[in-house]
C-alpha cells in the first residue's frame, strides 16, 4: 500500500474514534447514573418498609397489651363477683356451714387471683414476644439495608474500574474530562462511599 492510502485510512479512523468514545462514555455514565438511582431507590424503599413495619408492630403490640390487660381485668372482676355471690349464698344457707363455705369462697378467690395473675403474666409474655419479633424484624431489615448499600458500593466500584479501563484506552486528547469524575456521587465524601 502506498503512503497516500495509509494516510487516508488513519484520518478516517481518527475521526471515528472520538465519536465512538464519546458515545461509550455517555453510555457508561448513563448506566452508572441508572445504577446509582436504582440502588438509592431500593435503599429508600427498604427504609420506608422498615419504618412502616416498626410502626405497625408497635401498634399491634399496644393493641395486644390493651386487649390482654382488659381480658385479665374482666376475668378478675368476674372471679371477684363470683366469689362475692358465693359468700352471700353460703351465709344464707346456714350458720353452721358458714366457716366451710367461707373457706371455699376464699379458695375460689385465691384461684381466681392466681388465674388473673397467670393471665396477666401470659399477656406480658405475649407482649415480650411481639416486641422481640419486632426487634428481630428491625435487625433483619437493617441487615438487608446494609447488604443493599454494600451491593451499591460494589456496583459503583466495578463501574469505576470499567471507567478506568475505558479511560486507559482513550487517546490522550480525550482524557481531558475523566470518566471517573462522573462516577463519584456528589453526596459522597470519602473513598469508602459513605455519605
N, C-alpha and C. Protein backbone atom coordinates (compact mmCIF):
# COMPACT_ATOMS: atom_id res chain seq x y z
N UNK A 1 0.85 -1.18 0.00
CA UNK A 1 0.00 0.00 0.00
C UNK A 1 0.89 1.23 0.00
N UNK A 2 0.49 2.26 -0.75
CA UNK A 2 1.33 3.45 -0.82
C UNK A 2 1.05 4.37 0.36
N UNK A 3 1.82 5.41 0.47
CA UNK A 3 1.78 6.35 1.61
C UNK A 3 0.47 7.12 1.65
N UNK A 4 -0.11 7.51 0.49
CA UNK A 4 -1.36 8.29 0.48
C UNK A 4 -2.53 7.43 0.93
N UNK A 5 -2.57 6.15 0.57
CA UNK A 5 -3.65 5.25 1.01
C UNK A 5 -3.62 5.04 2.51
N UNK A 6 -2.43 4.89 3.11
CA UNK A 6 -2.28 4.73 4.55
C UNK A 6 -2.72 6.00 5.26
N UNK A 7 -2.39 7.14 4.74
CA UNK A 7 -2.77 8.43 5.34
C UNK A 7 -4.28 8.60 5.37
N UNK A 8 -4.97 8.20 4.29
CA UNK A 8 -6.44 8.32 4.25
C UNK A 8 -7.08 7.43 5.31
N UNK A 9 -6.57 6.21 5.46
CA UNK A 9 -7.14 5.28 6.45
C UNK A 9 -6.93 5.79 7.87
N UNK A 10 -5.78 6.31 8.20
CA UNK A 10 -5.50 6.85 9.53
C UNK A 10 -6.42 8.02 9.82
N UNK A 11 -6.64 8.89 8.84
CA UNK A 11 -7.52 10.05 9.03
C UNK A 11 -8.95 9.59 9.30
N UNK A 12 -9.42 8.60 8.58
CA UNK A 12 -10.79 8.09 8.77
C UNK A 12 -10.94 7.47 10.15
N UNK A 13 -9.95 6.66 10.58
CA UNK A 13 -10.03 6.02 11.91
C UNK A 13 -9.98 7.06 13.01
N UNK A 14 -9.19 8.11 12.84
CA UNK A 14 -9.05 9.15 13.88
C UNK A 14 -10.36 9.90 14.07
N UNK A 15 -11.06 10.19 12.99
CA UNK A 15 -12.32 10.93 13.13
C UNK A 15 -13.41 10.04 13.69
N UNK A 16 -13.34 8.72 13.48
CA UNK A 16 -14.38 7.82 14.01
C UNK A 16 -14.20 7.57 15.49
N UNK A 17 -12.93 7.56 15.97
CA UNK A 17 -12.67 7.21 17.39
C UNK A 17 -13.32 8.17 18.38
N UNK A 18 -13.21 9.49 18.25
CA UNK A 18 -13.79 10.38 19.26
C UNK A 18 -15.29 10.18 19.43
N UNK A 19 -16.02 10.02 18.33
CA UNK A 19 -17.47 9.87 18.48
C UNK A 19 -17.80 8.55 19.15
N UNK A 20 -17.04 7.47 18.83
CA UNK A 20 -17.27 6.18 19.48
C UNK A 20 -16.96 6.27 20.97
N UNK A 21 -15.85 6.92 21.32
CA UNK A 21 -15.50 7.06 22.74
C UNK A 21 -16.50 7.94 23.46
N UNK A 22 -16.96 8.97 22.80
CA UNK A 22 -17.95 9.86 23.43
C UNK A 22 -19.24 9.09 23.68
N UNK A 23 -19.65 8.31 22.69
CA UNK A 23 -20.88 7.51 22.86
C UNK A 23 -20.69 6.49 23.98
N UNK A 24 -19.51 5.85 24.01
CA UNK A 24 -19.23 4.87 25.07
C UNK A 24 -19.23 5.55 26.43
N UNK A 25 -18.61 6.72 26.52
CA UNK A 25 -18.60 7.46 27.79
C UNK A 25 -20.00 7.82 28.24
N UNK A 26 -20.83 8.25 27.30
CA UNK A 26 -22.21 8.61 27.64
C UNK A 26 -22.98 7.39 28.10
N UNK A 27 -22.77 6.25 27.45
CA UNK A 27 -23.47 5.03 27.86
C UNK A 27 -23.03 4.58 29.24
N UNK A 28 -21.73 4.64 29.48
CA UNK A 28 -21.21 4.26 30.82
C UNK A 28 -21.77 5.20 31.87
N UNK A 29 -21.76 6.50 31.58
CA UNK A 29 -22.31 7.47 32.54
C UNK A 29 -23.79 7.21 32.77
N UNK A 30 -24.53 6.90 31.71
CA UNK A 30 -25.96 6.61 31.85
C UNK A 30 -26.19 5.36 32.69
N UNK A 31 -25.38 4.33 32.44
CA UNK A 31 -25.50 3.09 33.22
C UNK A 31 -25.21 3.36 34.68
N UNK A 32 -24.16 4.10 34.93
CA UNK A 32 -23.79 4.41 36.33
C UNK A 32 -24.87 5.22 37.02
N UNK A 33 -25.40 6.19 36.32
CA UNK A 33 -26.45 7.03 36.93
C UNK A 33 -27.69 6.18 37.21
N UNK A 34 -28.06 5.31 36.27
CA UNK A 34 -29.23 4.45 36.48
C UNK A 34 -28.99 3.49 37.64
N UNK A 35 -27.77 2.94 37.72
CA UNK A 35 -27.46 2.01 38.82
C UNK A 35 -27.52 2.72 40.16
N UNK A 36 -26.98 3.92 40.20
CA UNK A 36 -27.00 4.68 41.47
C UNK A 36 -28.41 5.04 41.87
N UNK A 37 -29.22 5.46 40.89
CA UNK A 37 -30.61 5.82 41.20
C UNK A 37 -31.39 4.60 41.67
N UNK A 38 -31.17 3.46 41.01
CA UNK A 38 -31.87 2.23 41.41
C UNK A 38 -31.46 1.81 42.81
N UNK A 39 -30.17 1.86 43.10
CA UNK A 39 -29.69 1.49 44.43
C UNK A 39 -30.26 2.42 45.49
N UNK A 40 -30.30 3.71 45.20
CA UNK A 40 -30.86 4.67 46.17
C UNK A 40 -32.34 4.42 46.38
N UNK A 41 -33.03 4.11 45.29
CA UNK A 41 -34.47 3.82 45.40
C UNK A 41 -34.71 2.57 46.23
N UNK A 42 -33.90 1.52 46.01
CA UNK A 42 -34.04 0.28 46.79
C UNK A 42 -33.79 0.56 48.26
N UNK A 43 -32.76 1.32 48.57
CA UNK A 43 -32.46 1.66 49.97
C UNK A 43 -33.60 2.45 50.59
N UNK A 44 -34.13 3.42 49.84
CA UNK A 44 -35.24 4.23 50.37
C UNK A 44 -36.47 3.37 50.63
N UNK A 45 -36.76 2.46 49.68
CA UNK A 45 -37.92 1.58 49.86
C UNK A 45 -37.72 0.68 51.07
N UNK A 46 -36.51 0.17 51.27
CA UNK A 46 -36.23 -0.69 52.43
C UNK A 46 -36.39 0.09 53.72
N UNK A 47 -35.90 1.35 53.74
CA UNK A 47 -36.05 2.17 54.94
C UNK A 47 -37.53 2.46 55.22
N UNK A 48 -38.27 2.78 54.16
CA UNK A 48 -39.70 3.07 54.31
C UNK A 48 -40.43 1.84 54.84
N UNK A 49 -40.11 0.68 54.27
CA UNK A 49 -40.76 -0.56 54.72
C UNK A 49 -40.41 -0.86 56.17
N UNK A 50 -39.14 -0.65 56.53
CA UNK A 50 -38.72 -0.90 57.92
C UNK A 50 -39.46 0.02 58.88
N UNK A 51 -39.60 1.30 58.51
CA UNK A 51 -40.30 2.24 59.38
C UNK A 51 -41.77 1.86 59.50
N UNK A 52 -42.38 1.45 58.39
CA UNK A 52 -43.80 1.08 58.43
C UNK A 52 -43.99 -0.19 59.26
N UNK A 53 -43.11 -1.17 59.09
CA UNK A 53 -43.21 -2.40 59.88
C UNK A 53 -43.02 -2.11 61.36
N UNK A 54 -42.09 -1.23 61.65
CA UNK A 54 -41.85 -0.88 63.05
C UNK A 54 -43.09 -0.19 63.63
N UNK A 55 -43.69 0.71 62.85
CA UNK A 55 -44.89 1.41 63.32
C UNK A 55 -46.04 0.44 63.52
N UNK A 56 -46.26 -0.45 62.54
CA UNK A 56 -47.35 -1.41 62.65
C UNK A 56 -47.13 -2.38 63.82
N UNK A 57 -45.89 -2.78 64.01
CA UNK A 57 -45.59 -3.70 65.12
C UNK A 57 -45.85 -3.02 66.47
N UNK A 58 -45.49 -1.75 66.57
CA UNK A 58 -45.74 -1.02 67.81
C UNK A 58 -47.23 -0.89 68.07
N UNK A 59 -47.99 -0.62 67.02
CA UNK A 59 -49.45 -0.52 67.16
C UNK A 59 -50.03 -1.86 67.58
N UNK A 60 -49.58 -2.94 66.94
CA UNK A 60 -50.09 -4.26 67.27
C UNK A 60 -49.71 -4.66 68.68
N UNK A 61 -48.50 -4.35 69.09
CA UNK A 61 -48.06 -4.67 70.45
C UNK A 61 -48.91 -3.92 71.47
N UNK A 62 -49.17 -2.66 71.20
CA UNK A 62 -50.00 -1.87 72.12
C UNK A 62 -51.43 -2.41 72.16
N UNK A 63 -51.95 -2.79 70.98
CA UNK A 63 -53.30 -3.34 70.92
C UNK A 63 -53.38 -4.65 71.71
N UNK A 64 -52.40 -5.53 71.51
CA UNK A 64 -52.38 -6.79 72.25
C UNK A 64 -52.27 -6.56 73.75
N UNK A 65 -51.43 -5.64 74.12
CA UNK A 65 -51.26 -5.34 75.54
C UNK A 65 -52.58 -4.87 76.14
N UNK A 66 -53.23 -3.93 75.45
CA UNK A 66 -54.51 -3.40 75.95
C UNK A 66 -55.56 -4.49 76.01
N UNK A 67 -55.64 -5.29 74.95
CA UNK A 67 -56.65 -6.34 74.90
C UNK A 67 -56.43 -7.38 75.99
N UNK A 68 -55.20 -7.82 76.15
CA UNK A 68 -54.92 -8.85 77.16
C UNK A 68 -55.08 -8.32 78.58
N UNK A 69 -54.72 -7.06 78.79
CA UNK A 69 -54.93 -6.45 80.11
C UNK A 69 -56.41 -6.34 80.41
N UNK A 70 -57.17 -5.95 79.39
CA UNK A 70 -58.62 -5.83 79.57
C UNK A 70 -59.23 -7.19 79.90
N UNK A 71 -58.80 -8.23 79.18
CA UNK A 71 -59.32 -9.58 79.45
C UNK A 71 -58.96 -10.02 80.86
N UNK A 72 -57.74 -9.74 81.29
CA UNK A 72 -57.33 -10.12 82.64
C UNK A 72 -58.17 -9.39 83.69
N UNK A 73 -58.42 -8.11 83.46
CA UNK A 73 -59.25 -7.36 84.40
C UNK A 73 -60.67 -7.90 84.44
N UNK A 74 -61.21 -8.22 83.25
CA UNK A 74 -62.57 -8.75 83.19
C UNK A 74 -62.65 -10.09 83.92
N UNK A 75 -61.64 -10.94 83.71
CA UNK A 75 -61.63 -12.24 84.40
C UNK A 75 -61.54 -12.05 85.91
N UNK A 76 -60.72 -11.13 86.32
CA UNK A 76 -60.60 -10.88 87.76
C UNK A 76 -61.90 -10.33 88.33
N UNK A 77 -62.53 -9.41 87.58
CA UNK A 77 -63.81 -8.85 88.03
C UNK A 77 -64.87 -9.95 88.13
N UNK A 78 -64.91 -10.79 87.10
CA UNK A 78 -65.87 -11.90 87.13
C UNK A 78 -65.60 -12.82 88.30
N UNK A 79 -64.34 -13.13 88.54
CA UNK A 79 -63.99 -14.02 89.65
C UNK A 79 -64.36 -13.38 90.99
N UNK A 80 -64.11 -12.09 91.11
CA UNK A 80 -64.46 -11.41 92.37
C UNK A 80 -65.97 -11.37 92.58
N UNK A 81 -66.71 -11.13 91.48
CA UNK A 81 -68.17 -11.14 91.59
C UNK A 81 -68.68 -12.53 91.96
N UNK A 82 -68.07 -13.53 91.35
CA UNK A 82 -68.46 -14.91 91.66
C UNK A 82 -68.18 -15.24 93.11
N UNK A 83 -67.01 -14.84 93.59
CA UNK A 83 -66.65 -15.10 94.99
C UNK A 83 -67.61 -14.39 95.94
N UNK A 84 -67.95 -13.15 95.60
CA UNK A 84 -68.88 -12.40 96.45
C UNK A 84 -70.26 -13.09 96.49
N UNK A 85 -70.73 -13.52 95.33
CA UNK A 85 -72.02 -14.22 95.27
C UNK A 85 -71.98 -15.52 96.07
N UNK A 86 -70.87 -16.20 95.97
CA UNK A 86 -70.74 -17.46 96.73
C UNK A 86 -70.78 -17.19 98.23
N UNK A 87 -70.11 -16.13 98.65
CA UNK A 87 -70.13 -15.81 100.09
C UNK A 87 -71.54 -15.50 100.57
N UNK A 88 -72.27 -14.76 99.79
CA UNK A 88 -73.65 -14.42 100.17
C UNK A 88 -74.52 -15.67 100.22
N UNK A 89 -74.35 -16.57 99.28
CA UNK A 89 -75.14 -17.80 99.27
C UNK A 89 -74.82 -18.67 100.48
N UNK A 90 -73.58 -18.71 100.84
CA UNK A 90 -73.15 -19.52 101.98
C UNK A 90 -73.76 -18.96 103.27
N UNK A 91 -73.71 -17.64 103.42
CA UNK A 91 -74.27 -17.03 104.63
C UNK A 91 -75.77 -17.30 104.74
N UNK A 92 -76.46 -17.28 103.60
CA UNK A 92 -77.90 -17.53 103.61
C UNK A 92 -78.20 -19.01 103.87
N UNK A 93 -77.34 -19.86 103.51
CA UNK A 93 -77.59 -21.31 103.62
C UNK A 93 -77.74 -21.74 105.07
N UNK A 94 -76.71 -21.40 105.84
CA UNK A 94 -76.84 -21.77 107.26
C UNK A 94 -75.62 -21.31 108.00
N UNK A 95 -75.84 -21.02 109.26
CA UNK A 95 -74.75 -20.56 110.10
C UNK A 95 -73.75 -21.67 110.33
N UNK A 96 -74.24 -22.88 110.51
CA UNK A 96 -73.35 -24.00 110.81
C UNK A 96 -72.39 -24.31 109.67
N UNK A 97 -72.78 -23.98 108.45
CA UNK A 97 -71.89 -24.25 107.30
C UNK A 97 -71.11 -23.00 106.87
N UNK A 98 -71.25 -21.95 107.63
CA UNK A 98 -70.63 -20.68 107.26
C UNK A 98 -69.11 -20.81 107.10
N UNK A 99 -68.46 -21.39 108.09
CA UNK A 99 -66.99 -21.46 108.03
C UNK A 99 -66.52 -22.25 106.81
N UNK A 100 -67.16 -23.35 106.57
CA UNK A 100 -66.76 -24.16 105.42
C UNK A 100 -66.99 -23.40 104.10
N UNK A 101 -68.14 -22.76 104.01
CA UNK A 101 -68.45 -22.01 102.78
C UNK A 101 -67.49 -20.84 102.59
N UNK A 102 -67.17 -20.13 103.69
CA UNK A 102 -66.24 -19.01 103.58
C UNK A 102 -64.86 -19.49 103.13
N UNK A 103 -64.48 -20.65 103.64
CA UNK A 103 -63.18 -21.20 103.23
C UNK A 103 -63.19 -21.53 101.73
N UNK A 104 -64.28 -22.12 101.30
CA UNK A 104 -64.39 -22.43 99.87
C UNK A 104 -64.34 -21.14 99.03
N UNK A 105 -65.05 -20.12 99.53
CA UNK A 105 -65.05 -18.85 98.80
C UNK A 105 -63.65 -18.26 98.73
N UNK A 106 -62.92 -18.33 99.86
CA UNK A 106 -61.53 -17.81 99.85
C UNK A 106 -60.67 -18.57 98.85
N UNK A 107 -60.88 -19.88 98.78
CA UNK A 107 -60.10 -20.67 97.81
C UNK A 107 -60.45 -20.26 96.38
N UNK A 108 -61.73 -20.01 96.16
CA UNK A 108 -62.15 -19.60 94.81
C UNK A 108 -61.51 -18.26 94.45
N UNK A 109 -61.54 -17.33 95.44
CA UNK A 109 -60.92 -16.02 95.19
C UNK A 109 -59.43 -16.19 94.92
N UNK A 110 -58.79 -17.04 95.72
CA UNK A 110 -57.35 -17.26 95.53
C UNK A 110 -57.08 -17.86 94.14
N UNK A 111 -57.92 -18.83 93.77
CA UNK A 111 -57.76 -19.42 92.44
C UNK A 111 -57.96 -18.37 91.35
N UNK A 112 -58.98 -17.55 91.54
CA UNK A 112 -59.26 -16.51 90.55
C UNK A 112 -58.09 -15.53 90.47
N UNK A 113 -57.53 -15.17 91.61
CA UNK A 113 -56.37 -14.25 91.60
C UNK A 113 -55.17 -14.91 90.94
N UNK A 114 -54.99 -16.21 91.24
CA UNK A 114 -53.88 -16.92 90.58
C UNK A 114 -54.10 -16.97 89.06
N UNK A 115 -55.36 -17.21 88.68
CA UNK A 115 -55.68 -17.25 87.25
C UNK A 115 -55.47 -15.88 86.61
N UNK A 116 -55.93 -14.83 87.31
CA UNK A 116 -55.74 -13.48 86.79
C UNK A 116 -54.26 -13.15 86.68
N UNK A 117 -53.49 -13.53 87.70
CA UNK A 117 -52.04 -13.31 87.66
C UNK A 117 -51.42 -14.08 86.50
N UNK A 118 -51.87 -15.32 86.35
CA UNK A 118 -51.35 -16.15 85.26
C UNK A 118 -51.68 -15.52 83.91
N UNK A 119 -52.92 -15.03 83.77
CA UNK A 119 -53.32 -14.41 82.51
C UNK A 119 -52.53 -13.13 82.26
N UNK A 120 -52.30 -12.35 83.32
CA UNK A 120 -51.53 -11.11 83.18
C UNK A 120 -50.10 -11.45 82.76
N UNK A 121 -49.52 -12.48 83.40
CA UNK A 121 -48.15 -12.88 83.04
C UNK A 121 -48.11 -13.39 81.60
N UNK A 122 -49.16 -14.13 81.21
CA UNK A 122 -49.22 -14.63 79.84
C UNK A 122 -49.30 -13.47 78.86
N UNK A 123 -50.12 -12.46 79.21
CA UNK A 123 -50.24 -11.27 78.35
C UNK A 123 -48.89 -10.56 78.24
N UNK A 124 -48.20 -10.44 79.36
CA UNK A 124 -46.89 -9.78 79.34
C UNK A 124 -45.89 -10.58 78.52
N UNK A 125 -45.97 -11.91 78.62
CA UNK A 125 -45.08 -12.76 77.83
C UNK A 125 -45.36 -12.61 76.34
N UNK A 126 -46.66 -12.57 75.99
CA UNK A 126 -47.01 -12.37 74.58
C UNK A 126 -46.49 -11.02 74.09
N UNK A 127 -46.63 -10.01 74.94
CA UNK A 127 -46.16 -8.68 74.58
C UNK A 127 -44.64 -8.70 74.38
N UNK A 128 -43.92 -9.39 75.25
CA UNK A 128 -42.46 -9.50 75.09
C UNK A 128 -42.11 -10.22 73.79
N UNK A 129 -42.88 -11.27 73.48
CA UNK A 129 -42.61 -11.99 72.23
C UNK A 129 -42.82 -11.09 71.02
N UNK A 130 -43.91 -10.32 71.04
CA UNK A 130 -44.18 -9.39 69.92
C UNK A 130 -43.05 -8.38 69.82
N UNK A 131 -42.61 -7.84 70.97
CA UNK A 131 -41.51 -6.87 70.93
C UNK A 131 -40.23 -7.51 70.42
N UNK A 132 -39.97 -8.77 70.82
CA UNK A 132 -38.79 -9.47 70.31
C UNK A 132 -38.88 -9.67 68.80
N UNK A 133 -40.08 -10.05 68.34
CA UNK A 133 -40.26 -10.23 66.90
C UNK A 133 -40.04 -8.93 66.16
N UNK A 134 -40.55 -7.84 66.73
CA UNK A 134 -40.36 -6.52 66.10
C UNK A 134 -38.86 -6.20 66.04
N UNK A 135 -38.15 -6.41 67.17
CA UNK A 135 -36.71 -6.14 67.17
C UNK A 135 -35.98 -7.01 66.15
N UNK A 136 -36.35 -8.29 66.07
CA UNK A 136 -35.70 -9.18 65.10
C UNK A 136 -35.96 -8.71 63.68
N UNK A 137 -37.20 -8.30 63.39
CA UNK A 137 -37.53 -7.83 62.05
C UNK A 137 -36.77 -6.54 61.73
N UNK A 138 -36.65 -5.67 62.74
CA UNK A 138 -35.89 -4.44 62.53
C UNK A 138 -34.44 -4.77 62.20
N UNK A 139 -33.86 -5.70 62.97
CA UNK A 139 -32.47 -6.09 62.71
C UNK A 139 -32.33 -6.70 61.31
N UNK A 140 -33.32 -7.53 60.96
CA UNK A 140 -33.28 -8.15 59.63
C UNK A 140 -33.33 -7.08 58.54
N UNK A 141 -34.23 -6.10 58.72
CA UNK A 141 -34.34 -5.03 57.73
C UNK A 141 -33.08 -4.18 57.68
N UNK A 142 -32.51 -3.91 58.87
CA UNK A 142 -31.25 -3.16 58.88
C UNK A 142 -30.16 -3.92 58.14
N UNK A 143 -30.12 -5.26 58.36
CA UNK A 143 -29.11 -6.07 57.66
C UNK A 143 -29.35 -6.03 56.15
N UNK A 144 -30.62 -6.08 55.75
CA UNK A 144 -30.93 -6.01 54.32
C UNK A 144 -30.52 -4.66 53.74
N UNK A 145 -30.76 -3.59 54.48
CA UNK A 145 -30.36 -2.25 54.01
C UNK A 145 -28.84 -2.19 53.88
N UNK A 146 -28.14 -2.74 54.91
CA UNK A 146 -26.66 -2.73 54.84
C UNK A 146 -26.18 -3.54 53.62
N UNK A 147 -26.83 -4.69 53.36
CA UNK A 147 -26.44 -5.51 52.22
C UNK A 147 -26.68 -4.77 50.91
N UNK A 148 -27.82 -4.08 50.83
CA UNK A 148 -28.12 -3.31 49.62
C UNK A 148 -27.11 -2.18 49.43
N UNK A 149 -26.77 -1.51 50.52
CA UNK A 149 -25.78 -0.44 50.41
C UNK A 149 -24.41 -1.00 50.01
N UNK A 150 -24.07 -2.19 50.54
CA UNK A 150 -22.80 -2.81 50.15
C UNK A 150 -22.82 -3.17 48.66
N UNK A 151 -23.95 -3.72 48.20
CA UNK A 151 -24.06 -4.05 46.79
C UNK A 151 -23.95 -2.81 45.92
N UNK A 152 -24.53 -1.72 46.40
CA UNK A 152 -24.45 -0.45 45.66
C UNK A 152 -22.99 -0.02 45.56
N UNK A 153 -22.29 -0.05 46.72
CA UNK A 153 -20.88 0.35 46.70
C UNK A 153 -20.06 -0.54 45.77
N UNK A 154 -20.34 -1.87 45.80
CA UNK A 154 -19.59 -2.78 44.94
C UNK A 154 -19.89 -2.50 43.46
N UNK A 155 -21.15 -2.22 43.14
CA UNK A 155 -21.52 -1.93 41.75
C UNK A 155 -20.83 -0.66 41.28
N UNK A 156 -20.82 0.36 42.13
CA UNK A 156 -20.16 1.61 41.76
C UNK A 156 -18.65 1.38 41.59
N UNK A 157 -18.08 0.56 42.48
CA UNK A 157 -16.64 0.29 42.37
C UNK A 157 -16.34 -0.45 41.07
N UNK A 158 -17.19 -1.42 40.71
CA UNK A 158 -16.98 -2.13 39.44
C UNK A 158 -17.11 -1.18 38.26
N UNK A 159 -18.09 -0.28 38.34
CA UNK A 159 -18.26 0.70 37.25
C UNK A 159 -17.07 1.65 37.19
N UNK A 160 -16.53 1.98 38.34
CA UNK A 160 -15.32 2.83 38.34
C UNK A 160 -14.16 2.11 37.65
N UNK A 161 -14.05 0.81 37.95
CA UNK A 161 -12.98 0.04 37.31
C UNK A 161 -13.16 0.01 35.80
N UNK A 162 -14.43 -0.16 35.37
CA UNK A 162 -14.72 -0.16 33.93
C UNK A 162 -14.37 1.20 33.33
N UNK A 163 -14.75 2.27 34.04
CA UNK A 163 -14.46 3.62 33.54
C UNK A 163 -12.95 3.83 33.45
N UNK A 164 -12.21 3.31 34.44
CA UNK A 164 -10.75 3.46 34.41
C UNK A 164 -10.19 2.71 33.20
N UNK A 165 -10.73 1.52 32.93
CA UNK A 165 -10.27 0.76 31.77
C UNK A 165 -10.61 1.51 30.48
N UNK A 166 -11.81 2.11 30.45
CA UNK A 166 -12.21 2.87 29.27
C UNK A 166 -11.28 4.06 29.08
N UNK A 167 -10.95 4.75 30.17
CA UNK A 167 -10.04 5.89 30.07
C UNK A 167 -8.65 5.46 29.58
N UNK A 168 -8.24 4.25 30.02
CA UNK A 168 -6.92 3.76 29.59
C UNK A 168 -6.85 3.57 28.07
N UNK A 169 -7.99 3.22 27.47
CA UNK A 169 -7.95 3.01 26.03
C UNK A 169 -8.26 4.28 25.24
N UNK A 170 -8.67 5.34 25.91
CA UNK A 170 -8.92 6.60 25.22
C UNK A 170 -7.60 7.24 24.78
N UNK A 171 -7.62 7.91 23.66
CA UNK A 171 -6.41 8.65 23.27
C UNK A 171 -6.20 9.80 24.25
N UNK A 172 -4.96 10.27 24.41
CA UNK A 172 -4.67 11.34 25.37
C UNK A 172 -5.53 12.58 25.15
N UNK A 173 -5.90 12.88 23.92
CA UNK A 173 -6.69 14.09 23.67
C UNK A 173 -8.09 13.98 24.25
N UNK A 174 -8.61 12.78 24.50
CA UNK A 174 -9.97 12.59 25.03
C UNK A 174 -9.96 12.43 26.54
N UNK A 175 -8.83 12.54 27.20
CA UNK A 175 -8.76 12.35 28.64
C UNK A 175 -8.91 13.64 29.42
N UNK A 176 -9.34 14.71 28.75
CA UNK A 176 -9.46 16.00 29.44
C UNK A 176 -10.55 15.94 30.51
N UNK A 177 -11.65 15.21 30.26
CA UNK A 177 -12.74 15.10 31.23
C UNK A 177 -12.81 13.64 31.67
N UNK A 178 -12.18 13.30 32.79
CA UNK A 178 -12.12 11.88 33.20
C UNK A 178 -13.50 11.31 33.49
N UNK A 179 -13.69 10.06 33.07
CA UNK A 179 -14.96 9.37 33.35
C UNK A 179 -15.11 9.11 34.84
N UNK A 180 -14.01 8.91 35.54
CA UNK A 180 -14.09 8.60 36.98
C UNK A 180 -14.76 9.72 37.75
N UNK A 181 -14.60 10.97 37.28
CA UNK A 181 -15.25 12.08 37.98
C UNK A 181 -16.77 11.92 37.93
N UNK A 182 -17.30 11.43 36.81
CA UNK A 182 -18.75 11.22 36.68
C UNK A 182 -19.23 10.10 37.56
N UNK A 183 -18.35 9.20 38.00
CA UNK A 183 -18.75 8.06 38.83
C UNK A 183 -18.70 8.37 40.31
N UNK A 184 -18.29 9.56 40.67
CA UNK A 184 -18.23 9.92 42.09
C UNK A 184 -19.51 10.66 42.44
N UNK A 185 -20.41 10.01 43.21
CA UNK A 185 -21.67 10.69 43.58
C UNK A 185 -21.37 11.97 44.34
N UNK A 186 -22.18 12.99 44.10
CA UNK A 186 -21.96 14.30 44.71
C UNK A 186 -22.06 14.28 46.22
N UNK A 187 -22.84 13.32 46.79
CA UNK A 187 -23.03 13.31 48.24
C UNK A 187 -21.96 12.51 48.98
N UNK A 188 -21.07 11.82 48.24
CA UNK A 188 -20.02 11.05 48.92
C UNK A 188 -18.88 11.96 49.32
N UNK A 189 -18.29 11.65 50.49
CA UNK A 189 -17.21 12.48 50.97
C UNK A 189 -15.88 11.75 51.05
N UNK A 190 -15.90 10.45 51.04
CA UNK A 190 -14.65 9.70 51.21
C UNK A 190 -14.54 8.57 50.23
N UNK A 191 -13.40 7.92 50.19
CA UNK A 191 -13.18 6.81 49.26
C UNK A 191 -14.02 5.60 49.61
N UNK A 192 -14.53 5.52 50.85
CA UNK A 192 -15.33 4.35 51.24
C UNK A 192 -16.73 4.43 50.70
N UNK A 193 -17.16 5.61 50.21
CA UNK A 193 -18.50 5.76 49.67
C UNK A 193 -19.51 6.14 50.71
N UNK A 194 -19.07 6.42 51.96
CA UNK A 194 -20.02 6.80 52.99
C UNK A 194 -20.33 8.25 52.87
N UNK A 195 -21.63 8.59 53.01
CA UNK A 195 -22.01 9.99 52.90
C UNK A 195 -21.71 10.71 54.18
